[in-house]
Every structure is written in structure tokens, then in C-alpha cells.
Amino acid sequence: QVQLIESGGGLVQSGGSLRLSCAASGRTFSDYAMGWFRQAPGKEREFVAAITWTAGVTTYADSVKGRFTISRNNAKNTVSLQMNNLKPEDTAIYYCAVKTSKTIAGLSSTGAYGSWGQGTQVTVSS
């Protein structure tokens, strides 16, 4: 049973920073990409960033490029999302997820991920 636990959310002013972490357990995660997604009230869940577990390939949504950085610690089975220069439109529940297959195809697709955390709230005030 895969378990993903996010932490690090909170309330921050516009222009501020937060660092989200996701601790993964339950099986071996080598060769499986992990991603961060977010869902704002009344909106669809959307892709934020993803990283392959061993190759370190990263990809980002255009809306967060240059502001967010995804990283991973293979030894600790954790994935982090450093979020800088936050904007009110970044307000959402942020989820981490594990991709179901070892391929890197579909890194930005919610359907490609099979295990999800419970989410952590990020609120950016203007």
C-alpha cells in the first residue's frame, strides 16, 4: 500500500515563499516519476511539476516556471516543491502523486498517476 504524506502548506503573503514536502512509503519508488498537482475551489486539478526518480528530469507548468522548483531525495523517499514569488492565483490544495508506470510519457497528466496524497492547503494573500 503506497502512502504519500504532504506537509509544508500554509498562509503566506503575495511574493512570499513556501516549501512543500511529500514523504512516500509502502514500496520501492525507483524509476517512478513523482508529481505535484493542485486544485483550486471550483476548478479542475492541474499539473504543477514532476520529476523522474532516477534521471532527475523535471518539467513544469508554464504558470510556475521560474518560480517553483521540484527536487527529490532518493535516500529518504521524499519529493519537495520550493515555491517562490507566490501569487494569489497559486492558492489551492497541493497534492503529490506517484506515476503508475516507469515511462516518462504523460508526466503532466493526472491520469498517469495512481497514488495520491491527502493534500496540503496553500493560501496566498494579496
Foldseek 3Di string as FASTA:
>chain_A
DKAKAKDWADEEAQQAKIKMKIFIDDDQQALKKKFKWWDDPPDDIWGAKIAGRPPGDIDGDPVQPPFKDWDDDNVRRMIMIIGGRDDQVVWTWMKMFIFPDSDCPPRGPPVRTDDIHPTDTHGYHD
